[in-house]
PDB file of N, CA and C in Angstrom:
ATOM      1  N   MET A   1     117.138  73.229 119.607  1.00  0.00           N
ATOM      2  CA  MET A   1     117.635  74.343 119.319  1.00  0.00           C
ATOM      3  C   MET A   1     117.556  74.721 117.772  1.00  0.00           C
ATOM      4  N   LYS A   2     118.035  73.738 116.990  1.00  0.00           N
ATOM      5  CA  LYS A   2     118.046  73.529 115.372  1.00  0.00           C
ATOM      6  C   LYS A   2     116.761  73.857 115.122  1.00  0.00           C
ATOM      7  N   LYS A   3     115.686  72.953 115.223  1.00  0.00           N
ATOM      8  CA  LYS A   3     114.721  72.785 115.065  1.00  0.00           C
ATOM      9  C   LYS A   3     113.821  74.372 115.041  1.00  0.00           C
ATOM     10  N   LEU A   4     114.341  74.695 116.127  1.00  0.00           N
ATOM     11  CA  LEU A   4     113.564  75.995 116.515  1.00  0.00           C
ATOM     12  C   LEU A   4     114.091  77.066 115.155  1.00  0.00           C
ATOM     13  N   LEU A   5     115.498  76.750 115.320  1.00  0.00           N
ATOM     14  CA  LEU A   5     116.269  77.672 114.352  1.00  0.00           C
ATOM     15  C   LEU A   5     115.113  77.833 112.912  1.00  0.00           C
ATOM     16  N   ILE A   6     115.301  76.385 112.628  1.00  0.00           N
ATOM     17  CA  ILE A   6     114.584  76.307 111.141  1.00  0.00           C
ATOM     18  C   ILE A   6     112.948  76.948 111.303  1.00  0.00           C
ATOM     19  N   ILE A   7     113.043  76.360 111.961  1.00  0.00           N
ATOM     20  CA  ILE A   7     111.049  76.694 112.488  1.00  0.00           C
ATOM     21  C   ILE A   7     111.119  78.730 112.200  1.00  0.00           C
ATOM     22  N   ALA A   8     111.468  79.842 112.852  1.00  0.00           N
ATOM     23  CA  ALA A   8     111.485  80.603 112.650  1.00  0.00           C
ATOM     24  C   ALA A   8     112.099  81.528 111.154  1.00  0.00           C
ATOM     25  N   ILE A   9     112.926  80.355 111.175  1.00  0.00           N
ATOM     26  CA  ILE A   9     113.365  81.146 109.431  1.00  0.00           C
ATOM     27  C   ILE A   9     112.364  80.620 108.184  1.00  0.00           C
ATOM     28  N   ALA A  10     111.335  79.164 108.307  1.00  0.00           N
ATOM     29  CA  ALA A  10     110.465  79.139 107.519  1.00  0.00           C
ATOM     30  C   ALA A  10     109.054  80.089 107.676  1.00  0.00           C
ATOM     31  N   PHE A  11     108.953  80.477 108.980  1.00  0.00           N
ATOM     32  CA  PHE A  11     108.181  81.603 109.618  1.00  0.00           C
ATOM     33  C   PHE A  11     108.064  82.630 108.512  1.00  0.00           C
ATOM     34  N   THR A  12     109.525  83.218 108.995  1.00  0.00           N
ATOM     35  CA  THR A  12     110.155  84.375 107.749  1.00  0.00           C
ATOM     36  C   THR A  12     109.696  84.366 106.889  1.00  0.00           C
ATOM     37  N   LEU A  13     110.482  83.564 106.283  1.00  0.00           N
ATOM     38  CA  LEU A  13     110.335  83.232 103.966  1.00  0.00           C
ATOM     39  C   LEU A  13     108.725  83.313 104.274  1.00  0.00           C
ATOM     40  N   GLY A  14     108.040  82.604 104.708  1.00  0.00           N
ATOM     41  CA  GLY A  14     106.767  82.389 104.485  1.00  0.00           C
ATOM     42  C   GLY A  14     105.907  83.393 104.663  1.00  0.00           C
ATOM     43  N   GLY A  15     105.965  84.765 105.764  1.00  0.00           N
ATOM     44  CA  GLY A  15     105.682  85.925 106.086  1.00  0.00           C
ATOM     45  C   GLY A  15     105.919  86.976 104.808  1.00  0.00           C
ATOM     46  N   THR A  16     107.205  86.799 104.557  1.00  0.00           N
ATOM     47  CA  THR A  16     107.570  87.092 103.435  1.00  0.00           C
ATOM     48  C   THR A  16     106.717  87.284 101.943  1.00  0.00           C
ATOM     49  N   ALA A  17     106.620  86.213 101.534  1.00  0.00           N
ATOM     50  CA  ALA A  17     106.146  85.766 100.433  1.00  0.00           C
ATOM     51  C   ALA A  17     104.447  86.305 100.128  1.00  0.00           C
ATOM     52  N   PHE A  18     103.674  86.075 101.469  1.00  0.00           N
ATOM     53  CA  PHE A  18     102.673  86.507 101.655  1.00  0.00           C
ATOM     54  C   PHE A  18     102.339  87.702 101.911  1.00  0.00           C
ATOM     55  N   ALA A  19     103.207  88.832 102.297  1.00  0.00           N
ATOM     56  CA  ALA A  19     103.127  89.885 101.851  1.00  0.00           C
ATOM     57  C   ALA A  19     103.288  90.584 100.878  1.00  0.00           C
ATOM     58  N   GLN A  20     104.404  89.744 100.046  1.00  0.00           N
ATOM     59  CA  GLN A  20     104.684  90.526  98.691  1.00  0.00           C
ATOM     60  C   GLN A  20     102.705  89.777  98.017  1.00  0.00           C
ATOM     61  N   GLU A  21     102.616  88.827  98.227  1.00  0.00           N
ATOM     62  CA  GLU A  21     101.340  88.625  97.366  1.00  0.00           C
ATOM     63  C   GLU A  21     100.212  89.908  97.921  1.00  0.00           C
ATOM     64  N   LYS A  22      99.741  89.716  99.105  1.00  0.00           N
ATOM     65  CA  LYS A  22      98.953  90.962  99.343  1.00  0.00           C
ATOM     66  C   LYS A  22      98.711  92.216  98.726  1.00  0.00           C
ATOM     67  N   MET A  23     100.035  92.998  98.619  1.00  0.00           N
ATOM     68  CA  MET A  23     100.653  94.184  98.548  1.00  0.00           C
ATOM     69  C   MET A  23     100.106  93.739  96.863  1.00  0.00           C
ATOM     70  N   ASP A  24     100.227  92.788  95.767  1.00  0.00           N
ATOM     71  CA  ASP A  24     100.001  93.096  94.705  1.00  0.00           C
ATOM     72  C   ASP A  24      98.493  93.153  94.563  1.00  0.00           C
ATOM     73  N   LYS A  25      97.838  92.449  95.490  1.00  0.00           N
ATOM     74  CA  LYS A  25      96.491  92.243  95.234  1.00  0.00           C
ATOM     75  C   LYS A  25      95.901  93.821  95.741  1.00  0.00           C
ATOM     76  N   MET A  26      96.529  94.545  96.822  1.00  0.00           N
ATOM     77  CA  MET A  26      96.587  95.653  97.103  1.00  0.00           C
ATOM     78  C   MET A  26      96.263  97.052  95.446  1.00  0.00           C
ATOM     79  N   ASP A  27      97.646  96.675  94.806  1.00  0.00           N
ATOM     80  CA  ASP A  27      97.856  97.468  93.808  1.00  0.00           C
ATOM     81  C   ASP A  27      96.916  97.520  92.742  1.00  0.00           C
ATOM     82  N   HIS A  28      96.226  95.958  92.482  1.00  0.00           N
ATOM     83  CA  HIS A  28      95.698  95.626  91.630  1.00  0.00           C
ATOM     84  C   HIS A  28      93.945  96.400  92.276  1.00  0.00           C
ATOM     85  N   LYS A  29      93.337  96.195  93.594  1.00  0.00           N
ATOM     86  CA  LYS A  29      92.747  97.014  93.600  1.00  0.00           C
ATOM     87  C   LYS A  29      92.396  98.955  94.066  1.00  0.00           C
ATOM     88  N   MET A  30      93.515  99.425  94.138  1.00  0.00           N
ATOM     89  CA  MET A  30      94.299 100.556  93.975  1.00  0.00           C
ATOM     90  C   MET A  30      93.738 100.865  92.334  1.00  0.00           C
ATOM     91  N   SER A  31      94.365  99.970  91.578  1.00  0.00           N
ATOM     92  CA  SER A  31      94.106 100.896  90.268  1.00  0.00           C
ATOM     93  C   SER A  31      92.463 100.436  89.448  1.00  0.00           C
ATOM     94  N   HIS A  32      91.584  99.899  89.958  1.00  0.00           N
ATOM     95  CA  HIS A  32      90.345  99.675  89.767  1.00  0.00           C
ATOM     96  C   HIS A  32      89.657 100.766  90.458  1.00  0.00           C
ATOM     97  N   LYS A  33      90.438 101.190  92.099  1.00  0.00           N
ATOM     98  CA  LYS A  33      89.270 102.179  92.530  1.00  0.00           C
ATOM     99  C   LYS A  33      89.537 103.938  91.540  1.00  0.00           C
ATOM    100  N   MET A  34      91.111 103.879  91.145  1.00  0.00           N
ATOM    101  CA  MET A  34      91.418 105.536  90.625  1.00  0.00           C
ATOM    102  C   MET A  34      90.613 105.377  89.295  1.00  0.00           C
ATOM    103  N   GLY A  35      89.767 104.361  88.378  1.00  0.00           N
ATOM    104  CA  GLY A  35      89.066 104.294  87.176  1.00  0.00           C
ATOM    105  C   GLY A  35      90.672 104.177  86.435  1.00  0.00           C
ATOM    106  N   LEU A  36      91.480 103.243  86.842  1.00  0.00           N
ATOM    107  CA  LEU A  36      92.918 103.218  85.087  1.00  0.00           C
ATOM    108  C   LEU A  36      92.831 101.149  84.842  1.00  0.00           C
ATOM    109  N   LYS A  37      92.875 101.328  83.731  1.00  0.00           N
ATOM    110  CA  LYS A  37      92.544  99.875  83.023  1.00  0.00           C
ATOM    111  C   LYS A  37      93.998  99.421  82.127  1.00  0.00           C
ATOM    112  N   LYS A  38      94.161  98.260  82.552  1.00  0.00           N
ATOM    113  CA  LYS A  38      95.645  97.669  82.329  1.00  0.00           C
ATOM    114  C   LYS A  38      95.473  97.593  80.902  1.00  0.00           C
ATOM    115  N   ASP A  39      94.766  97.013  80.266  1.00  0.00           N
ATOM    116  CA  ASP A  39      94.931  97.396  78.617  1.00  0.00           C
ATOM    117  C   ASP A  39      93.545  97.536  78.154  1.00  0.00           C
ATOM    118  N   CYS A  40      94.202  98.927  77.107  1.00  0.00           N
ATOM    119  CA  CYS A  40      92.675  99.387  76.837  1.00  0.00           C
ATOM    120  C   CYS A  40      93.114 100.331  76.129  1.00  0.00           C
ATOM    121  N   VAL A  41      92.579 101.123  75.048  1.00  0.00           N
ATOM    122  CA  VAL A  41      93.212 102.286  73.865  1.00  0.00           C
ATOM    123  C   VAL A  41      91.861 103.534  74.858  1.00  0.00           C
ATOM    124  N   MET A  42      92.400 105.027  74.177  1.00  0.00           N
ATOM    125  CA  MET A  42      91.689 106.043  74.380  1.00  0.00           C
ATOM    126  C   MET A  42      91.664 106.912  73.947  1.00  0.00           C
ATOM    127  N   MET A  43      91.689 108.097  74.063  1.00  0.00           N
ATOM    128  CA  MET A  43      91.481 109.435  73.146  1.00  0.00           C
ATOM    129  C   MET A  43      92.036 110.815  74.493  1.00  0.00           C
ATOM    130  N   LYS A  44      93.227 111.063  74.377  1.00  0.00           N
ATOM    131  CA  LYS A  44      93.994 111.657  75.357  1.00  0.00           C
ATOM    132  C   LYS A  44      94.476 112.723  74.042  1.00  0.00           C
ATOM    133  N   ASP A  45      94.534 114.212  74.964  1.00  0.00           N
ATOM    134  CA  ASP A  45      94.841 115.343  73.745  1.00  0.00           C
ATOM    135  C   ASP A  45      95.000 114.720  72.716  1.00  0.00           C
ATOM    136  N   GLY A  46      94.058 114.703  72.388  1.00  0.00           N
ATOM    137  CA  GLY A  46      92.991 114.333  70.798  1.00  0.00           C
ATOM    138  C   GLY A  46      93.712 113.421  70.203  1.00  0.00           C
ATOM    139  N   LYS A  47      94.568 112.516  70.610  1.00  0.00           N
ATOM    140  CA  LYS A  47      95.540 111.447  70.153  1.00  0.00           C
ATOM    141  C   LYS A  47      94.768 110.132  70.798  1.00  0.00           C
ATOM    142  N   MET A  48      94.921 108.884  69.856  1.00  0.00           N
ATOM    143  CA  MET A  48      95.005 107.418  70.542  1.00  0.00           C
ATOM    144  C   MET A  48      96.161 107.179  71.263  1.00  0.00           C
ATOM    145  N   MET A  49      96.040 107.082  72.273  1.00  0.00           N
ATOM    146  CA  MET A  49      96.824 106.460  73.217  1.00  0.00           C
ATOM    147  C   MET A  49      96.703 104.701  73.721  1.00  0.00           C
ATOM    148  N   MET A  50      97.647 104.317  73.555  1.00  0.00           N
ATOM    149  CA  MET A  50      97.209 102.624  73.746  1.00  0.00           C
ATOM    150  C   MET A  50      97.741 102.693  75.786  1.00  0.00           C
ATOM    151  N   MET A  51      96.816 101.667  76.840  1.00  0.00           N
ATOM    152  CA  MET A  51      97.528 101.355  77.768  1.00  0.00           C
ATOM    153  C   MET A  51      97.946  99.646  78.193  1.00  0.00           C
ATOM    154  N   LYS A  52      98.690  99.341  77.746  1.00  0.00           N
ATOM    155  CA  LYS A  52      99.805  98.086  78.091  1.00  0.00           C
ATOM    156  C   LYS A  52     100.427  97.568  79.320  1.00  0.00           C
ATOM    157  N   ASN A  53     100.143  97.045  79.800  1.00  0.00           N
ATOM    158  CA  ASN A  53     100.819  96.390  81.429  1.00  0.00           C
ATOM    159  C   ASN A  53     100.530  97.466  82.062  1.00  0.00           C
ATOM    160  N   GLY A  54      99.578  98.520  82.161  1.00  0.00           N
ATOM    161  CA  GLY A  54      99.593  99.732  82.966  1.00  0.00           C
ATOM    162  C   GLY A  54     100.826 101.214  82.126  1.00  0.00           C
ATOM    163  N   LYS A  55     101.657 101.058  81.161  1.00  0.00           N
ATOM    164  CA  LYS A  55     102.002 101.772  80.356  1.00  0.00           C
ATOM    165  C   LYS A  55     101.565 102.105  79.419  1.00  0.00           C
ATOM    166  N   MET A  56     100.958 103.755  79.109  1.00  0.00           N
ATOM    167  CA  MET A  56     100.594 104.044  77.655  1.00  0.00           C
ATOM    168  C   MET A  56     101.330 105.234  77.030  1.00  0.00           C
ATOM    169  N   MET A  57     101.313 104.724  75.745  1.00  0.00           N
ATOM    170  CA  MET A  57     102.127 105.130  74.621  1.00  0.00           C
ATOM    171  C   MET A  57     101.188 105.225  73.519  1.00  0.00           C
ATOM    172  N   ALA A  58     101.430 105.783  72.601  1.00  0.00           N
ATOM    173  CA  ALA A  58     101.148 106.794  71.191  1.00  0.00           C
ATOM    174  C   ALA A  58     100.474 105.181  70.352  1.00  0.00           C
ATOM    175  N   MET A  59      99.478 105.258  70.320  1.00  0.00           N
ATOM    176  CA  MET A  59      98.609 103.642  69.426  1.00  0.00           C
ATOM    177  C   MET A  59      99.376 103.881  67.918  1.00  0.00           C
ATOM    178  N   ASP A  60     100.129 102.399  67.000  1.00  0.00           N
ATOM    179  CA  ASP A  60     100.642 102.918  66.091  1.00  0.00           C
ATOM    180  C   ASP A  60     100.200 102.369  65.493  1.00  0.00           C
ATOM    181  N   LYS A  61      98.947 101.476  65.148  1.00  0.00           N
ATOM    182  CA  LYS A  61      98.294 100.812  64.467  1.00  0.00           C
ATOM    183  C   LYS A  61      96.650 100.569  64.550  1.00  0.00           C
ATOM    184  N   ASP A  62      96.055 100.433  63.681  1.00  0.00           N
ATOM    185  CA  ASP A  62      94.783  99.629  64.111  1.00  0.00           C
ATOM    186  C   ASP A  62      94.265  98.535  65.493  1.00  0.00           C
ATOM    187  N   MET A  63      93.305  98.812  66.357  1.00  0.00           N
ATOM    188  CA  MET A  63      93.441  97.678  67.328  1.00  0.00           C
ATOM    189  C   MET A  63      92.097  96.813  67.119  1.00  0.00           C
ATOM    190  N   THR A  64      92.050  95.401  66.994  1.00  0.00           N
ATOM    191  CA  THR A  64      90.962  94.987  66.946  1.00  0.00           C
ATOM    192  C   THR A  64      90.707  94.622  68.019  1.00  0.00           C
ATOM    193  N   MET A  65      89.615  95.121  68.744  1.00  0.00           N
ATOM    194  CA  MET A  65      89.359  94.358  70.101  1.00  0.00           C
ATOM    195  C   MET A  65      88.736  92.719  70.446  1.00  0.00           C
ATOM    196  N   HIS A  66      88.899  91.878  71.429  1.00  0.00           N
ATOM    197  CA  HIS A  66      88.430  90.664  71.535  1.00  0.00           C
ATOM    198  C   HIS A  66      86.886  90.392  70.936  1.00  0.00           C
ATOM    199  N   ASP A  67      86.103  91.123  71.022  1.00  0.00           N
ATOM    200  CA  ASP A  67      84.631  90.973  70.520  1.00  0.00           C
ATOM    201  C   ASP A  67      84.335  91.480  68.984  1.00  0.00           C
ATOM    202  N   GLY A  68      85.730  92.063  68.346  1.00  0.00           N
ATOM    203  CA  GLY A  68      85.514  92.143  67.142  1.00  0.00           C
ATOM    204  C   GLY A  68      85.392  94.322  66.482  1.00  0.00           C
ATOM    205  N   THR A  69      85.315  94.586  67.608  1.00  0.00           N
ATOM    206  CA  THR A  69      85.149  96.062  67.620  1.00  0.00           C
ATOM    207  C   THR A  69      86.883  96.799  67.118  1.00  0.00           C
ATOM    208  N   VAL A  70      86.916  97.138  66.296  1.00  0.00           N
ATOM    209  CA  VAL A  70      88.218  97.739  65.747  1.00  0.00           C
ATOM    210  C   VAL A  70      88.412  99.292  65.889  1.00  0.00           C
ATOM    211  N   CYS A  71      89.943  99.956  66.779  1.00  0.00           N
ATOM    212  CA  CYS A  71      89.985 101.083  67.481  1.00  0.00           C
ATOM    213  C   CYS A  71      90.727 101.420  66.077  1.00  0.00           C
ATOM    214  N   MET A  72      90.809 102.705  65.502  1.00  0.00           N
ATOM    215  CA  MET A  72      91.546 102.743  64.237  1.00  0.00           C
ATOM    216  C   MET A  72      92.167 104.529  65.142  1.00  0.00           C
ATOM    217  N   MET A  73      93.819 104.469  64.284  1.00  0.00           N
ATOM    218  CA  MET A  73      94.442 105.815  64.934  1.00  0.00           C
ATOM    219  C   MET A  73      94.284 107.356  65.001  1.00  0.00           C
ATOM    220  N   ASP A  74      92.543 107.395  64.276  1.00  0.00           N
ATOM    221  CA  ASP A  74      92.384 108.179  64.425  1.00  0.00           C
ATOM    222  C   ASP A  74      91.191 108.485  65.030  1.00  0.00           C
ATOM    223  N   GLY A  75      91.223 107.739  65.696  1.00  0.00           N
ATOM    224  CA  GLY A  75      90.208 107.608  66.813  1.00  0.00           C
ATOM    225  C   GLY A  75      88.260 107.196  66.841  1.00  0.00           C
ATOM    226  N   THR A  76      88.193 106.651  65.445  1.00  0.00           N
ATOM    227  CA  THR A  76      87.083 106.392  65.027  1.00  0.00           C
ATOM    228  C   THR A  76      87.010 104.924  64.993  1.00  0.00           C
ATOM    229  N   CYS A  77      85.738 104.115  66.140  1.00  0.00           N
ATOM    230  CA  CYS A  77      85.831 102.903  66.560  1.00  0.00           C
ATOM    231  C   CYS A  77      84.493 101.806  65.648  1.00  0.00           C
ATOM    232  N   LYS A  78      84.776 101.007  64.901  1.00  0.00           N
ATOM    233  CA  LYS A  78      83.997 100.569  64.571  1.00  0.00           C
ATOM    234  C   LYS A  78      83.712  99.060  64.855  1.00  0.00           C
ATOM    235  N   MET A  79      82.292  99.327  65.956  1.00  0.00           N
ATOM    236  CA  MET A  79      81.501  98.226  66.976  1.00  0.00           C
ATOM    237  C   MET A  79      81.285  96.895  65.836  1.00  0.00           C
ATOM    238  N   LYS A  80      81.153  95.945  66.526  1.00  0.00           N
ATOM    239  CA  LYS A  80      80.932  94.623  66.236  1.00  0.00           C
ATOM    240  C   LYS A  80      79.922  94.401  65.434  1.00  0.00           C
ATOM    241  N   ASP A  81      79.173  95.362  65.822  1.00  0.00           N
ATOM    242  CA  ASP A  81      77.109  95.282  65.379  1.00  0.00           C
ATOM    243  C   ASP A  81      77.678  95.975  64.040  1.00  0.00           C
ATOM    244  N   GLY A  82      78.372  96.466  63.467  1.00  0.00           N
ATOM    245  CA  GLY A  82      78.645  97.792  62.215  1.00  0.00           C
ATOM    246  C   GLY A  82      78.309  99.109  62.586  1.00  0.00           C
ATOM    247  N   THR A  83      77.560  99.864  63.981  1.00  0.00           N
ATOM    248  CA  THR A  83      78.086 100.680  63.951  1.00  0.00           C
ATOM    249  C   THR A  83      79.340 101.713  64.153  1.00  0.00           C
ATOM    250  N   THR A  84      79.428 102.862  63.447  1.00  0.00           N
ATOM    251  CA  THR A  84      80.960 103.514  63.835  1.00  0.00           C
ATOM    252  C   THR A  84      81.048 104.851  65.018  1.00  0.00           C
ATOM    253  N   MET A  85      81.761 105.146  65.833  1.00  0.00           N
ATOM    254  CA  MET A  85      81.465 106.436  66.225  1.00  0.00           C
ATOM    255  C   MET A  85      83.681 106.438  66.408  1.00  0.00           C
ATOM    256  N   MET A  86      83.286 108.470  66.685  1.00  0.00           N
ATOM    257  CA  MET A  86      83.954 108.861  67.871  1.00  0.00           C
ATOM    258  C   MET A  86      84.696 109.073  68.833  1.00  0.00           C
ATOM    259  N   MET A  87      85.992 109.060  68.900  1.00  0.00           N
ATOM    260  CA  MET A  87      85.822 108.681  70.399  1.00  0.00           C
ATOM    261  C   MET A  87      86.226 110.589  71.120  1.00  0.00           C
ATOM    262  N   LYS A  88      85.942 110.793  72.306  1.00  0.00           N
ATOM    263  CA  LYS A  88      85.768 111.875  72.458  1.00  0.00           C
ATOM    264  C   LYS A  88      87.079 111.938  73.641  1.00  0.00           C
ATOM    265  N   GLU A  89      87.551 113.214  73.899  1.00  0.00           N
ATOM    266  CA  GLU A  89      88.275 112.822  75.168  1.00  0.00           C
ATOM    267  C   GLU A  89      88.177 112.169  76.279  1.00  0.00           C
ATOM    268  N   GLY A  90      89.533 111.720  76.608  1.00  0.00           N
ATOM    269  CA  GLY A  90      88.700 110.896  77.832  1.00  0.00           C
ATOM    270  C   GLY A  90      88.033 109.018  77.432  1.00  0.00           C
ATOM    271  N   GLU A  91      87.575 109.195  76.389  1.00  0.00           N
ATOM    272  CA  GLU A  91      86.911 107.782  76.611  1.00  0.00           C
ATOM    273  C   GLU A  91      88.072 106.459  76.079  1.00  0.00           C
ATOM    274  N   THR A  92      87.664 105.289  76.716  1.00  0.00           N
ATOM    275  CA  THR A  92      88.681 104.336  76.865  1.00  0.00           C
ATOM    276  C   THR A  92      87.137 103.069  75.988  1.00  0.00           C
ATOM    277  N   CYS A  93      88.350 102.204  75.614  1.00  0.00           N
ATOM    278  CA  CYS A  93      87.540 101.219  74.764  1.00  0.00           C
ATOM    279  C   CYS A  93      88.637  99.934  75.434  1.00  0.00           C
ATOM    280  N   ASP A  94      88.041  99.278  76.408  1.00  0.00           N
ATOM    281  CA  ASP A  94      88.602  97.865  76.570  1.00  0.00           C
ATOM    282  C   ASP A  94      88.860  97.147  75.587  1.00  0.00           C
ATOM    283  N   MET A  95      89.855  96.050  76.124  1.00  0.00           N
ATOM    284  CA  MET A  95      89.988  94.876  74.994  1.00  0.00           C
ATOM    285  C   MET A  95      88.587  93.451  74.965  1.00  0.00           C
ATOM    286  N   ASP A  96      87.498  93.822  75.937  1.00  0.00           N
ATOM    287  CA  ASP A  96      86.358  93.151  75.132  1.00  0.00           C
ATOM    288  C   ASP A  96      85.669  93.982  74.267  1.00  0.00           C
ATOM    289  N   GLY A  97      85.863  95.821  74.139  1.00  0.00           N
ATOM    290  CA  GLY A  97      85.573  96.334  73.223  1.00  0.00           C
ATOM    291  C   GLY A  97      84.169  97.546  74.253  1.00  0.00           C
ATOM    292  N   LYS A  98      84.343  97.292  75.339  1.00  0.00           N
ATOM    293  CA  LYS A  98      83.278  98.157  76.114  1.00  0.00           C
ATOM    294  C   LYS A  98      83.976  99.221  76.521  1.00  0.00           C
ATOM    295  N   MET A  99      82.734 100.279  75.709  1.00  0.00           N
ATOM    296  CA  MET A  99      83.302 101.554  75.800  1.00  0.00           C
ATOM    297  C   MET A  99      82.787 102.561  77.216  1.00  0.00           C
ATOM    298  N   SER A 100      84.232 103.282  77.578  1.00  0.00           N
ATOM    299  CA  SER A 100      84.161 103.980  79.202  1.00  0.00           C
ATOM    300  C   SER A 100      84.134 105.390  79.302  1.00  0.00           C
ATOM    301  N   HIS A 101      84.384 106.064  80.161  1.00  0.00           N
ATOM    302  CA  HIS A 101      85.018 107.281  80.189  1.00  0.00           C
ATOM    303  C   HIS A 101      86.105 107.449  81.546  1.00  0.00           C
ATOM    304  N   MET A 102      87.130 107.834  81.190  1.00  0.00           N
ATOM    305  CA  MET A 102      88.012 107.655  82.077  1.00  0.00           C
ATOM    306  C   MET A 102      88.649 109.046  83.205  1.00  0.00           C
ATOM    307  N   LYS A 103      88.764 109.454  84.085  1.00  0.00           N
ATOM    308  CA  LYS A 103      88.928 111.454  84.488  1.00  0.00           C
ATOM    309  C   LYS A 103      90.468 110.869  84.186  1.00  0.00           C
ATOM    310  N   MET A 104      90.961 111.661  83.854  1.00  0.00           N
ATOM    311  CA  MET A 104      92.384 111.778  83.268  1.00  0.00           C
ATOM    312  C   MET A 104      93.117 112.943  85.079  1.00  0.00           C
ATOM    313  N   GLY A 105      93.867 112.199  85.334  1.00  0.00           N
ATOM    314  CA  GLY A 105      94.668 112.715  86.119  1.00  0.00           C
ATOM    315  C   GLY A 105      95.688 113.338  86.101  1.00  0.00           C
ATOM    316  N   LYS A 106      95.984 114.338  86.613  1.00  0.00           N
ATOM    317  CA  LYS A 106      97.186 115.467  85.730  1.00  0.00           C
ATOM    318  C   LYS A 106      98.993 114.904  86.237  1.00  0.00           C
ATOM    319  N   GLY A 107      98.835 114.023  86.935  1.00  0.00           N
ATOM    320  CA  GLY A 107      99.610 112.865  87.201  1.00  0.00           C
ATOM    321  C   GLY A 107     100.288 112.376  86.175  1.00  0.00           C
ATOM    322  N   MET A 108      99.274 111.483  84.578  1.00  0.00           N
ATOM    323  CA  MET A 108      99.214 110.757  84.187  1.00  0.00           C
ATOM    324  C   MET A 108     100.145 110.983  83.297  1.00  0.00           C
ATOM    325  N   LYS A 109     101.493 110.193  82.997  1.00  0.00           N
ATOM    326  CA  LYS A 109     102.041 110.369  81.616  1.00  0.00           C
ATOM    327  C   LYS A 109     101.829 109.582  81.233  1.00  0.00           C
ATOM    328  N   HIS A 110     102.394 109.446  78.924  1.00  0.00           N
ATOM    329  CA  HIS A 110     102.188 108.468  78.784  1.00  0.00           C
ATOM    330  C   HIS A 110     103.943 108.585  77.974  1.00  0.00           C
ATOM    331  N   LYS A 111     103.526 107.693  77.253  1.00  0.00           N
ATOM    332  CA  LYS A 111     105.515 107.540  76.567  1.00  0.00           C
ATOM    333  C   LYS A 111     105.381 107.321  75.205  1.00  0.00           C
ATOM    334  N   MET A 112     105.440 107.790  74.348  1.00  0.00           N
ATOM    335  CA  MET A 112     105.947 109.032  73.415  1.00  0.00           C
ATOM    336  C   MET A 112     106.982 107.812  72.372  1.00  0.00           C
TER     337      MET A 112
END
């Protein structure tokens, strides 16, 4: 009887851990489907914003991406090949220096 109880507890705890891991993967997939990136900079409402670990805040200094691209607080990005561009509303630059356009939902809030 004790063995049966121990086995039942082990299955319960194991199932709980598995369910938690599965939810984390689902959250990650959901954020990619919605077009959200964990770490990037973006132009929003005419201001440069920084997304870090899923939280958006105002950019407080120029940032250098992993590939050497430098994004400045005024929205100017100097690519690793020397070309310069001005970010437009909704454009993002991820930490690898890849530029893209993000659709901003009305529910997206930022921390200032």
